[in-house]
Amino acid sequence: MLILSRKLNESIVIDGRITVKVMRIDGDVVKLGIAAPADVPVHRQEVYDEIRRSNEAAVTQRTTSVPKLSNSGVAHEARPRPADWQDGQRNSDTEVNSQKHNRPNKG
């Protein structure tokens, strides 16, 4: 680990892309300003550790098994048709209600 000393308003530069500046010193608390490209994640250590733990847990969690799909060629059951369909035509009341609720947002 590289250890550097900096005074108030002094900076260090990492890889020519990240600047860390001492912004304020209040007793035993040091406030740092960090300028980094948007594609470089910057986290406090405790936040980074929690993200890492959460990601590891998500990867190692057991998931419920999904039943295998059958290759038997058996056709799936046909879904029941909605009550508002008759002979392939939609009931006009339902069609009007449908149009009212499916309007695109203008906001």
PDB file of N, CA and C in Angstrom:
ATOM      1  N   MET A   1       0.849  -1.184   0.000  1.00  0.00           N
ATOM      2  CA  MET A   1       0.000   0.000   0.000  1.00  0.00           C
ATOM      3  C   MET A   1       0.888   1.239   0.000  1.00  0.00           C
ATOM      4  N   LEU A   2       0.591   2.150  -0.859  1.00  0.00           N
ATOM      5  CA  LEU A   2       1.297   3.428  -0.917  1.00  0.00           C
ATOM      6  C   LEU A   2       0.677   4.358   0.115  1.00  0.00           C
ATOM      7  N   ILE A   3       1.493   4.991   0.927  1.00  0.00           N
ATOM      8  CA  ILE A   3       1.002   5.931   1.937  1.00  0.00           C
ATOM      9  C   ILE A   3       1.543   7.312   1.591  1.00  0.00           C
ATOM     10  N   LEU A   4       0.635   8.277   1.443  1.00  0.00           N
ATOM     11  CA  LEU A   4       0.994   9.651   1.097  1.00  0.00           C
ATOM     12  C   LEU A   4       0.469  10.604   2.154  1.00  0.00           C
ATOM     13  N   SER A   5       1.176  11.694   2.355  1.00  0.00           N
ATOM     14  CA  SER A   5       0.708  12.756   3.249  1.00  0.00           C
ATOM     15  C   SER A   5       0.203  13.899   2.394  1.00  0.00           C
ATOM     16  N   ARG A   6      -0.916  14.466   2.762  1.00  0.00           N
ATOM     17  CA  ARG A   6      -1.480  15.603   2.052  1.00  0.00           C
ATOM     18  C   ARG A   6      -2.004  16.588   3.076  1.00  0.00           C
ATOM     19  N   LYS A   7      -1.938  17.847   2.760  1.00  0.00           N
ATOM     20  CA  LYS A   7      -2.504  18.897   3.599  1.00  0.00           C
ATOM     21  C   LYS A   7      -3.811  19.356   2.976  1.00  0.00           C
ATOM     22  N   LEU A   8      -4.527  20.206   3.704  1.00  0.00           N
ATOM     23  CA  LEU A   8      -5.788  20.755   3.231  1.00  0.00           C
ATOM     24  C   LEU A   8      -5.621  21.343   1.831  1.00  0.00           C
ATOM     25  N   ASN A   9      -6.542  21.023   0.940  1.00  0.00           N
ATOM     26  CA  ASN A   9      -6.579  21.474  -0.455  1.00  0.00           C
ATOM     27  C   ASN A   9      -5.498  20.863  -1.342  1.00  0.00           C
ATOM     28  N   GLU A  10      -4.758  19.887  -0.857  1.00  0.00           N
ATOM     29  CA  GLU A  10      -3.784  19.194  -1.692  1.00  0.00           C
ATOM     30  C   GLU A  10      -4.441  17.935  -2.269  1.00  0.00           C
ATOM     31  N   SER A  11      -3.912  17.480  -3.397  1.00  0.00           N
ATOM     32  CA  SER A  11      -4.528  16.365  -4.114  1.00  0.00           C
ATOM     33  C   SER A  11      -3.508  15.285  -4.444  1.00  0.00           C
ATOM     34  N   ILE A  12      -4.037  14.143  -4.837  1.00  0.00           N
ATOM     35  CA  ILE A  12      -3.246  13.102  -5.486  1.00  0.00           C
ATOM     36  C   ILE A  12      -3.987  12.729  -6.769  1.00  0.00           C
ATOM     37  N   VAL A  13      -3.249  12.265  -7.750  1.00  0.00           N
ATOM     38  CA  VAL A  13      -3.834  11.860  -9.018  1.00  0.00           C
ATOM     39  C   VAL A  13      -3.525  10.377  -9.225  1.00  0.00           C
ATOM     40  N   ILE A  14      -4.550   9.624  -9.593  1.00  0.00           N
ATOM     41  CA  ILE A  14      -4.409   8.192  -9.819  1.00  0.00           C
ATOM     42  C   ILE A  14      -4.655   7.910 -11.299  1.00  0.00           C
ATOM     43  N   ASP A  15      -3.683   7.325 -11.941  1.00  0.00           N
ATOM     44  CA  ASP A  15      -3.793   6.896 -13.335  1.00  0.00           C
ATOM     45  C   ASP A  15      -4.144   8.047 -14.286  1.00  0.00           C
ATOM     46  N   GLY A  16      -3.883   9.261 -13.887  1.00  0.00           N
ATOM     47  CA  GLY A  16      -4.164  10.406 -14.751  1.00  0.00           C
ATOM     48  C   GLY A  16      -5.639  10.674 -14.963  1.00  0.00           C
ATOM     49  N   ARG A  17      -6.504   9.870 -14.325  1.00  0.00           N
ATOM     50  CA  ARG A  17      -7.949  10.009 -14.547  1.00  0.00           C
ATOM     51  C   ARG A  17      -8.715  10.305 -13.275  1.00  0.00           C
ATOM     52  N   ILE A  18      -8.143  10.017 -12.121  1.00  0.00           N
ATOM     53  CA  ILE A  18      -8.851  10.154 -10.849  1.00  0.00           C
ATOM     54  C   ILE A  18      -8.061  11.107  -9.966  1.00  0.00           C
ATOM     55  N   THR A  19      -8.759  12.101  -9.425  1.00  0.00           N
ATOM     56  CA  THR A  19      -8.132  13.052  -8.513  1.00  0.00           C
ATOM     57  C   THR A  19      -8.809  12.953  -7.158  1.00  0.00           C
ATOM     58  N   VAL A  20      -7.999  12.833  -6.115  1.00  0.00           N
ATOM     59  CA  VAL A  20      -8.503  12.793  -4.742  1.00  0.00           C
ATOM     60  C   VAL A  20      -7.918  14.009  -4.030  1.00  0.00           C
ATOM     61  N   LYS A  21      -8.813  14.851  -3.507  1.00  0.00           N
ATOM     62  CA  LYS A  21      -8.385  16.104  -2.885  1.00  0.00           C
ATOM     63  C   LYS A  21      -8.879  16.160  -1.447  1.00  0.00           C
ATOM     64  N   VAL A  22      -8.008  16.638  -0.531  1.00  0.00           N
ATOM     65  CA  VAL A  22      -8.396  16.847   0.859  1.00  0.00           C
ATOM     66  C   VAL A  22      -9.197  18.153   0.898  1.00  0.00           C
ATOM     67  N   MET A  23     -10.478  18.029   1.183  1.00  0.00           N
ATOM     68  CA  MET A  23     -11.369  19.191   1.148  1.00  0.00           C
ATOM     69  C   MET A  23     -11.495  19.884   2.502  1.00  0.00           C
ATOM     70  N   ARG A  24     -11.526  19.084   3.570  1.00  0.00           N
ATOM     71  CA  ARG A  24     -11.723  19.646   4.905  1.00  0.00           C
ATOM     72  C   ARG A  24     -11.184  18.664   5.936  1.00  0.00           C
ATOM     73  N   ILE A  25     -10.669  19.202   7.032  1.00  0.00           N
ATOM     74  CA  ILE A  25     -10.230  18.377   8.150  1.00  0.00           C
ATOM     75  C   ILE A  25     -10.936  18.902   9.386  1.00  0.00           C
ATOM     76  N   ASP A  26     -11.789  18.042  10.001  1.00  0.00           N
ATOM     77  CA  ASP A  26     -12.517  18.396  11.220  1.00  0.00           C
ATOM     78  C   ASP A  26     -12.133  17.400  12.308  1.00  0.00           C
ATOM     79  N   GLY A  27     -11.141  17.757  13.124  1.00  0.00           N
ATOM     80  CA  GLY A  27     -10.691  16.840  14.172  1.00  0.00           C
ATOM     81  C   GLY A  27     -10.097  15.593  13.547  1.00  0.00           C
ATOM     82  N   ASP A  28     -10.711  14.432  13.846  1.00  0.00           N
ATOM     83  CA  ASP A  28     -10.204  13.179  13.289  1.00  0.00           C
ATOM     84  C   ASP A  28     -10.952  12.757  12.021  1.00  0.00           C
ATOM     85  N   VAL A  29     -11.773  13.645  11.460  1.00  0.00           N
ATOM     86  CA  VAL A  29     -12.514  13.354  10.230  1.00  0.00           C
ATOM     87  C   VAL A  29     -11.905  14.144   9.080  1.00  0.00           C
ATOM     88  N   VAL A  30     -11.572  13.428   8.017  1.00  0.00           N
ATOM     89  CA  VAL A  30     -11.015  14.057   6.824  1.00  0.00           C
ATOM     90  C   VAL A  30     -12.052  13.932   5.711  1.00  0.00           C
ATOM     91  N   LYS A  31     -12.429  15.050   5.101  1.00  0.00           N
ATOM     92  CA  LYS A  31     -13.374  15.049   3.976  1.00  0.00           C
ATOM     93  C   LYS A  31     -12.563  15.071   2.686  1.00  0.00           C
ATOM     94  N   LEU A  32     -12.842  14.088   1.826  1.00  0.00           N
ATOM     95  CA  LEU A  32     -12.142  13.977   0.557  1.00  0.00           C
ATOM     96  C   LEU A  32     -13.082  14.282  -0.594  1.00  0.00           C
ATOM     97  N   GLY A  33     -12.572  14.933  -1.606  1.00  0.00           N
ATOM     98  CA  GLY A  33     -13.308  15.130  -2.850  1.00  0.00           C
ATOM     99  C   GLY A  33     -12.679  14.220  -3.890  1.00  0.00           C
ATOM    100  N   ILE A  34     -13.498  13.506  -4.638  1.00  0.00           N
ATOM    101  CA  ILE A  34     -12.979  12.568  -5.623  1.00  0.00           C
ATOM    102  C   ILE A  34     -13.583  12.902  -6.981  1.00  0.00           C
ATOM    103  N   ALA A  35     -12.722  13.150  -7.953  1.00  0.00           N
ATOM    104  CA  ALA A  35     -13.161  13.387  -9.330  1.00  0.00           C
ATOM    105  C   ALA A  35     -12.712  12.186 -10.143  1.00  0.00           C
ATOM    106  N   ALA A  36     -13.693  11.456 -10.689  1.00  0.00           N
ATOM    107  CA  ALA A  36     -13.396  10.252 -11.466  1.00  0.00           C
ATOM    108  C   ALA A  36     -14.359  10.167 -12.641  1.00  0.00           C
ATOM    109  N   PRO A  37     -13.945   9.502 -13.719  1.00  0.00           N
ATOM    110  CA  PRO A  37     -14.857   9.311 -14.845  1.00  0.00           C
ATOM    111  C   PRO A  37     -16.098   8.540 -14.404  1.00  0.00           C
ATOM    112  N   ALA A  38     -17.187   8.733 -15.103  1.00  0.00           N
ATOM    113  CA  ALA A  38     -18.461   8.094 -14.752  1.00  0.00           C
ATOM    114  C   ALA A  38     -18.380   6.567 -14.789  1.00  0.00           C
ATOM    115  N   ASP A  39     -17.477   6.022 -15.592  1.00  0.00           N
ATOM    116  CA  ASP A  39     -17.382   4.560 -15.684  1.00  0.00           C
ATOM    117  C   ASP A  39     -16.525   3.946 -14.573  1.00  0.00           C
ATOM    118  N   VAL A  40     -16.014   4.768 -13.662  1.00  0.00           N
ATOM    119  CA  VAL A  40     -15.219   4.277 -12.535  1.00  0.00           C
ATOM    120  C   VAL A  40     -16.076   4.356 -11.277  1.00  0.00           C
ATOM    121  N   PRO A  41     -16.482   3.194 -10.733  1.00  0.00           N
ATOM    122  CA  PRO A  41     -17.284   3.235  -9.514  1.00  0.00           C
ATOM    123  C   PRO A  41     -16.434   3.695  -8.327  1.00  0.00           C
ATOM    124  N   VAL A  42     -17.004   4.557  -7.505  1.00  0.00           N
ATOM    125  CA  VAL A  42     -16.318   5.043  -6.306  1.00  0.00           C
ATOM    126  C   VAL A  42     -17.270   4.825  -5.130  1.00  0.00           C
ATOM    127  N   HIS A  43     -16.811   4.059  -4.138  1.00  0.00           N
ATOM    128  CA  HIS A  43     -17.645   3.743  -2.974  1.00  0.00           C
ATOM    129  C   HIS A  43     -16.815   3.848  -1.702  1.00  0.00           C
ATOM    130  N   ARG A  44     -17.465   4.140  -0.592  1.00  0.00           N
ATOM    131  CA  ARG A  44     -16.821   3.978   0.710  1.00  0.00           C
ATOM    132  C   ARG A  44     -16.582   2.483   0.904  1.00  0.00           C
ATOM    133  N   GLN A  45     -15.570   2.107   1.666  1.00  0.00           N
ATOM    134  CA  GLN A  45     -15.213   0.698   1.836  1.00  0.00           C
ATOM    135  C   GLN A  45     -16.389  -0.134   2.338  1.00  0.00           C
ATOM    136  N   GLU A  46     -17.136   0.374   3.338  1.00  0.00           N
ATOM    137  CA  GLU A  46     -18.242  -0.413   3.901  1.00  0.00           C
ATOM    138  C   GLU A  46     -19.367  -0.621   2.887  1.00  0.00           C
ATOM    139  N   VAL A  47     -19.584   0.347   2.008  1.00  0.00           N
ATOM    140  CA  VAL A  47     -20.594   0.207   0.959  1.00  0.00           C
ATOM    141  C   VAL A  47     -20.116  -0.811  -0.080  1.00  0.00           C
ATOM    142  N   TYR A  48     -18.863  -0.722  -0.466  1.00  0.00           N
ATOM    143  CA  TYR A  48     -18.295  -1.664  -1.423  1.00  0.00           C
ATOM    144  C   TYR A  48     -18.376  -3.100  -0.890  1.00  0.00           C
ATOM    145  N   ASP A  49     -18.031  -3.282   0.389  1.00  0.00           N
ATOM    146  CA  ASP A  49     -18.093  -4.618   0.999  1.00  0.00           C
ATOM    147  C   ASP A  49     -19.513  -5.170   0.970  1.00  0.00           C
ATOM    148  N   GLU A  50     -20.503  -4.332   1.244  1.00  0.00           N
ATOM    149  CA  GLU A  50     -21.904  -4.777   1.233  1.00  0.00           C
ATOM    150  C   GLU A  50     -22.353  -5.132  -0.183  1.00  0.00           C
ATOM    151  N   ILE A  51     -21.957  -4.352  -1.164  1.00  0.00           N
ATOM    152  CA  ILE A  51     -22.290  -4.648  -2.563  1.00  0.00           C
ATOM    153  C   ILE A  51     -21.681  -5.999  -2.949  1.00  0.00           C
ATOM    154  N   ARG A  52     -20.419  -6.206  -2.582  1.00  0.00           N
ATOM    155  CA  ARG A  52     -19.743  -7.458  -2.905  1.00  0.00           C
ATOM    156  C   ARG A  52     -20.436  -8.649  -2.240  1.00  0.00           C
ATOM    157  N   ARG A  53     -20.780  -8.511  -0.944  1.00  0.00           N
ATOM    158  CA  ARG A  53     -21.486  -9.589  -0.237  1.00  0.00           C
ATOM    159  C   ARG A  53     -22.828  -9.883  -0.886  1.00  0.00           C
ATOM    160  N   SER A  54     -23.545  -8.842  -1.236  1.00  0.00           N
ATOM    161  CA  SER A  54     -24.858  -8.998  -1.862  1.00  0.00           C
ATOM    162  C   SER A  54     -24.733  -9.706  -3.215  1.00  0.00           C
ATOM    163  N   ASN A  55     -23.750  -9.319  -4.012  1.00  0.00           N
ATOM    164  CA  ASN A  55     -23.535  -9.959  -5.313  1.00  0.00           C
ATOM    165  C   ASN A  55     -23.149 -11.425  -5.154  1.00  0.00           C
ATOM    166  N   GLU A  56     -22.287 -11.715  -4.188  1.00  0.00           N
ATOM    167  CA  GLU A  56     -21.883 -13.107  -3.953  1.00  0.00           C
ATOM    168  C   GLU A  56     -23.082 -13.938  -3.502  1.00  0.00           C
ATOM    169  N   ALA A  57     -23.922 -13.374  -2.636  1.00  0.00           N
ATOM    170  CA  ALA A  57     -25.101 -14.096  -2.158  1.00  0.00           C
ATOM    171  C   ALA A  57     -26.061 -14.372  -3.309  1.00  0.00           C
ATOM    172  N   ALA A  58     -26.211 -13.418  -4.213  1.00  0.00           N
ATOM    173  CA  ALA A  58     -27.120 -13.594  -5.349  1.00  0.00           C
ATOM    174  C   ALA A  58     -26.630 -14.708  -6.269  1.00  0.00           C
ATOM    175  N   VAL A  59     -25.335 -14.818  -6.423  1.00  0.00           N
ATOM    176  CA  VAL A  59     -24.778 -15.831  -7.310  1.00  0.00           C
ATOM    177  C   VAL A  59     -24.876 -17.219  -6.679  1.00  0.00           C
ATOM    178  N   THR A  60     -24.693 -17.296  -5.367  1.00  0.00           N
ATOM    179  CA  THR A  60     -24.647 -18.602  -4.710  1.00  0.00           C
ATOM    180  C   THR A  60     -25.994 -19.061  -4.167  1.00  0.00           C
ATOM    181  N   GLN A  61     -27.016 -18.220  -4.231  1.00  0.00           N
ATOM    182  CA  GLN A  61     -28.340 -18.602  -3.735  1.00  0.00           C
ATOM    183  C   GLN A  61     -28.887 -19.771  -4.533  1.00  0.00           C
ATOM    184  N   ARG A  62     -29.484 -20.707  -3.804  1.00  0.00           N
ATOM    185  CA  ARG A  62     -30.155 -21.819  -4.484  1.00  0.00           C
ATOM    186  C   ARG A  62     -31.477 -21.315  -5.024  1.00  0.00           C
ATOM    187  N   THR A  63     -31.735 -21.648  -6.227  1.00  0.00           N
ATOM    188  CA  THR A  63     -33.019 -21.276  -6.812  1.00  0.00           C
ATOM    189  C   THR A  63     -33.861 -22.536  -6.929  1.00  0.00           C
ATOM    190  N   THR A  64     -35.157 -22.342  -6.936  1.00  0.00           N
ATOM    191  CA  THR A  64     -36.026 -23.500  -7.113  1.00  0.00           C
ATOM    192  C   THR A  64     -35.846 -23.993  -8.534  1.00  0.00           C
ATOM    193  N   SER A  65     -35.837 -25.297  -8.681  1.00  0.00           N
ATOM    194  CA  SER A  65     -35.595 -25.845 -10.013  1.00  0.00           C
ATOM    195  C   SER A  65     -36.832 -25.669 -10.895  1.00  0.00           C
ATOM    196  N   VAL A  66     -36.567 -25.426 -12.130  1.00  0.00           N
ATOM    197  CA  VAL A  66     -37.623 -25.263 -13.118  1.00  0.00           C
ATOM    198  C   VAL A  66     -37.782 -26.610 -13.816  1.00  0.00           C
ATOM    199  N   PRO A  67     -39.009 -27.110 -13.941  1.00  0.00           N
ATOM    200  CA  PRO A  67     -39.176 -28.410 -14.590  1.00  0.00           C
ATOM    201  C   PRO A  67     -38.698 -28.352 -16.035  1.00  0.00           C
ATOM    202  N   LYS A  68     -38.156 -29.475 -16.488  1.00  0.00           N
ATOM    203  CA  LYS A  68     -37.678 -29.551 -17.869  1.00  0.00           C
ATOM    204  C   LYS A  68     -38.852 -29.471 -18.833  1.00  0.00           C
ATOM    205  N   LEU A  69     -38.599 -28.886 -19.973  1.00  0.00           N
ATOM    206  CA  LEU A  69     -39.602 -28.853 -21.034  1.00  0.00           C
ATOM    207  C   LEU A  69     -39.639 -30.211 -21.711  1.00  0.00           C
ATOM    208  N   SER A  70     -40.788 -30.615 -22.116  1.00  0.00           N
ATOM    209  CA  SER A  70     -40.941 -31.903 -22.776  1.00  0.00           C
ATOM    210  C   SER A  70     -40.667 -31.771 -24.258  1.00  0.00           C
ATOM    211  N   ASN A  71     -39.983 -32.741 -24.815  1.00  0.00           N
ATOM    212  CA  ASN A  71     -39.746 -32.781 -26.257  1.00  0.00           C
ATOM    213  C   ASN A  71     -40.678 -33.773 -26.934  1.00  0.00           C
ATOM    214  N   SER A  72     -41.777 -34.117 -26.248  1.00  0.00           N
ATOM    215  CA  SER A  72     -42.657 -35.162 -26.753  1.00  0.00           C
ATOM    216  C   SER A  72     -43.515 -34.710 -27.925  1.00  0.00           C
ATOM    217  N   GLY A  73     -43.547 -33.428 -28.188  1.00  0.00           N
ATOM    218  CA  GLY A  73     -44.347 -32.936 -29.293  1.00  0.00           C
ATOM    219  C   GLY A  73     -45.814 -32.804 -28.953  1.00  0.00           C
ATOM    220  N   VAL A  74     -46.162 -33.006 -27.668  1.00  0.00           N
ATOM    221  CA  VAL A  74     -47.553 -32.882 -27.254  1.00  0.00           C
ATOM    222  C   VAL A  74     -47.912 -31.406 -27.249  1.00  0.00           C
ATOM    223  N   ALA A  75     -49.019 -31.089 -27.863  1.00  0.00           N
ATOM    224  CA  ALA A  75     -49.454 -29.698 -27.943  1.00  0.00           C
ATOM    225  C   ALA A  75     -49.863 -29.204 -26.568  1.00  0.00           C
ATOM    226  N   HIS A  76     -49.584 -27.956 -26.298  1.00  0.00           N
ATOM    227  CA  HIS A  76     -50.009 -27.346 -25.044  1.00  0.00           C
ATOM    228  C   HIS A  76     -51.518 -27.171 -25.060  1.00  0.00           C
ATOM    229  N   GLU A  77     -52.080 -27.150 -23.862  1.00  0.00           N
ATOM    230  CA  GLU A  77     -53.522 -26.912 -23.777  1.00  0.00           C
ATOM    231  C   GLU A  77     -53.833 -25.537 -24.334  1.00  0.00           C
ATOM    232  N   ALA A  78     -54.931 -25.445 -25.042  1.00  0.00           N
ATOM    233  CA  ALA A  78     -55.347 -24.150 -25.574  1.00  0.00           C
ATOM    234  C   ALA A  78     -55.838 -23.294 -24.420  1.00  0.00           C
ATOM    235  N   ARG A  79     -55.471 -22.033 -24.431  1.00  0.00           N
ATOM    236  CA  ARG A  79     -55.946 -21.129 -23.379  1.00  0.00           C
ATOM    237  C   ARG A  79     -57.403 -20.801 -23.623  1.00  0.00           C
ATOM    238  N   PRO A  80     -58.179 -20.654 -22.560  1.00  0.00           N
ATOM    239  CA  PRO A  80     -59.573 -20.268 -22.756  1.00  0.00           C
ATOM    240  C   PRO A  80     -59.646 -18.876 -23.364  1.00  0.00           C
ATOM    241  N   ARG A  81     -60.611 -18.691 -24.216  1.00  0.00           N
ATOM    242  CA  ARG A  81     -60.778 -17.394 -24.856  1.00  0.00           C
ATOM    243  C   ARG A  81     -61.469 -16.442 -23.905  1.00  0.00           C
ATOM    244  N   PRO A  82     -61.117 -15.171 -23.934  1.00  0.00           N
ATOM    245  CA  PRO A  82     -61.791 -14.203 -23.081  1.00  0.00           C
ATOM    246  C   PRO A  82     -63.282 -14.150 -23.387  1.00  0.00           C
ATOM    247  N   ALA A  83     -64.057 -13.825 -22.367  1.00  0.00           N
ATOM    248  CA  ALA A  83     -65.514 -13.781 -22.505  1.00  0.00           C
ATOM    249  C   ALA A  83     -65.963 -12.727 -23.510  1.00  0.00           C
ATOM    250  N   ASP A  84     -65.126 -11.706 -23.735  1.00  0.00           N
ATOM    251  CA  ASP A  84     -65.547 -10.648 -24.651  1.00  0.00           C
ATOM    252  C   ASP A  84     -65.242 -10.977 -26.112  1.00  0.00           C
ATOM    253  N   TRP A  85     -64.724 -12.171 -26.410  1.00  0.00           N
ATOM    254  CA  TRP A  85     -64.477 -12.592 -27.785  1.00  0.00           C
ATOM    255  C   TRP A  85     -65.596 -13.514 -28.231  1.00  0.00           C
ATOM    256  N   GLN A  86     -66.107 -13.254 -29.386  1.00  0.00           N
ATOM    257  CA  GLN A  86     -67.132 -14.135 -29.954  1.00  0.00           C
ATOM    258  C   GLN A  86     -66.803 -14.337 -31.417  1.00  0.00           C
ATOM    259  N   ASP A  87     -66.541 -15.572 -31.775  1.00  0.00           N
ATOM    260  CA  ASP A  87     -66.239 -15.923 -33.171  1.00  0.00           C
ATOM    261  C   ASP A  87     -65.116 -15.059 -33.749  1.00  0.00           C
ATOM    262  N   GLY A  88     -64.078 -14.836 -32.960  1.00  0.00           N
ATOM    263  CA  GLY A  88     -62.926 -14.086 -33.454  1.00  0.00           C
ATOM    264  C   GLY A  88     -63.126 -12.591 -33.477  1.00  0.00           C
ATOM    265  N   GLN A  89     -64.282 -12.101 -33.059  1.00  0.00           N
ATOM    266  CA  GLN A  89     -64.544 -10.663 -33.043  1.00  0.00           C
ATOM    267  C   GLN A  89     -64.632 -10.184 -31.609  1.00  0.00           C
ATOM    268  N   ARG A  90     -64.095  -9.037 -31.361  1.00  0.00           N
ATOM    269  CA  ARG A  90     -64.175  -8.459 -30.027  1.00  0.00           C
ATOM    270  C   ARG A  90     -65.494  -7.749 -29.844  1.00  0.00           C
ATOM    271  N   ASN A  91     -66.008  -7.807 -28.640  1.00  0.00           N
ATOM    272  CA  ASN A  91     -67.212  -7.067 -28.280  1.00  0.00           C
ATOM    273  C   ASN A  91     -66.882  -5.581 -28.371  1.00  0.00           C
ATOM    274  N   SER A  92     -67.724  -4.771 -28.998  1.00  0.00           N
ATOM    275  CA  SER A  92     -67.411  -3.356 -29.236  1.00  0.00           C
ATOM    276  C   SER A  92     -67.262  -2.570 -27.945  1.00  0.00           C
ATOM    277  N   ASP A  93     -68.001  -2.911 -26.873  1.00  0.00           N
ATOM    278  CA  ASP A  93     -67.844  -2.197 -25.591  1.00  0.00           C
ATOM    279  C   ASP A  93     -66.444  -2.417 -25.041  1.00  0.00           C
ATOM    280  N   THR A  94     -65.962  -3.628 -25.103  1.00  0.00           N
ATOM    281  CA  THR A  94     -64.627  -3.936 -24.591  1.00  0.00           C
ATOM    282  C   THR A  94     -63.574  -3.239 -25.434  1.00  0.00           C
ATOM    283  N   GLU A  95     -63.780  -3.192 -26.726  1.00  0.00           N
ATOM    284  CA  GLU A  95     -62.832  -2.550 -27.615  1.00  0.00           C
ATOM    285  C   GLU A  95     -62.710  -1.064 -27.291  1.00  0.00           C
ATOM    286  N   VAL A  96     -63.840  -0.405 -27.027  1.00  0.00           N
ATOM    287  CA  VAL A  96     -63.827   1.014 -26.686  1.00  0.00           C
ATOM    288  C   VAL A  96     -63.104   1.211 -25.366  1.00  0.00           C
ATOM    289  N   ASN A  97     -63.395   0.393 -24.346  1.00  0.00           N
ATOM    290  CA  ASN A  97     -62.722   0.505 -23.048  1.00  0.00           C
ATOM    291  C   ASN A  97     -61.229   0.276 -23.201  1.00  0.00           C
ATOM    292  N   SER A  98     -60.864  -0.653 -24.015  1.00  0.00           N
ATOM    293  CA  SER A  98     -59.475  -0.984 -24.268  1.00  0.00           C
ATOM    294  C   SER A  98     -58.749   0.214 -24.854  1.00  0.00           C
ATOM    295  N   GLN A  99     -59.391   0.883 -25.804  1.00  0.00           N
ATOM    296  CA  GLN A  99     -58.772   2.030 -26.441  1.00  0.00           C
ATOM    297  C   GLN A  99     -58.592   3.167 -25.450  1.00  0.00           C
ATOM    298  N   LYS A 100     -59.536   3.331 -24.526  1.00  0.00           N
ATOM    299  CA  LYS A 100     -59.419   4.387 -23.530  1.00  0.00           C
ATOM    300  C   LYS A 100     -58.216   4.147 -22.632  1.00  0.00           C
ATOM    301  N   HIS A 101     -57.970   2.891 -22.253  1.00  0.00           N
ATOM    302  CA  HIS A 101     -56.907   2.585 -21.299  1.00  0.00           C
ATOM    303  C   HIS A 101     -55.537   2.398 -21.958  1.00  0.00           C
ATOM    304  N   ASN A 102     -55.480   2.270 -23.250  1.00  0.00           N
ATOM    305  CA  ASN A 102     -54.209   2.042 -23.915  1.00  0.00           C
ATOM    306  C   ASN A 102     -53.694   3.261 -24.661  1.00  0.00           C
ATOM    307  N   ARG A 103     -54.225   4.434 -24.318  1.00  0.00           N
ATOM    308  CA  ARG A 103     -53.754   5.647 -24.970  1.00  0.00           C
ATOM    309  C   ARG A 103     -52.320   5.953 -24.518  1.00  0.00           C
ATOM    310  N   PRO A 104     -51.466   6.379 -25.438  1.00  0.00           N
ATOM    311  CA  PRO A 104     -50.098   6.721 -25.030  1.00  0.00           C
ATOM    312  C   PRO A 104     -50.099   7.977 -24.160  1.00  0.00           C
ATOM    313  N   ASN A 105     -49.152   8.032 -23.219  1.00  0.00           N
ATOM    314  CA  ASN A 105     -49.005   9.214 -22.351  1.00  0.00           C
ATOM    315  C   ASN A 105     -48.525  10.397 -23.171  1.00  0.00           C
ATOM    316  N   LYS A 106     -49.090  11.543 -22.898  1.00  0.00           N
ATOM    317  CA  LYS A 106     -48.627  12.761 -23.603  1.00  0.00           C
ATOM    318  C   LYS A 106     -47.852  13.643 -22.642  1.00  0.00           C
ATOM    319  N   GLY A 107     -47.306  13.070 -21.560  1.00  0.00           N
ATOM    320  CA  GLY A 107     -46.614  13.880 -20.571  1.00  0.00           C
ATOM    321  C   GLY A 107     -45.262  13.549 -20.460  1.00  0.00           C
TER     322      GLY A 107
END
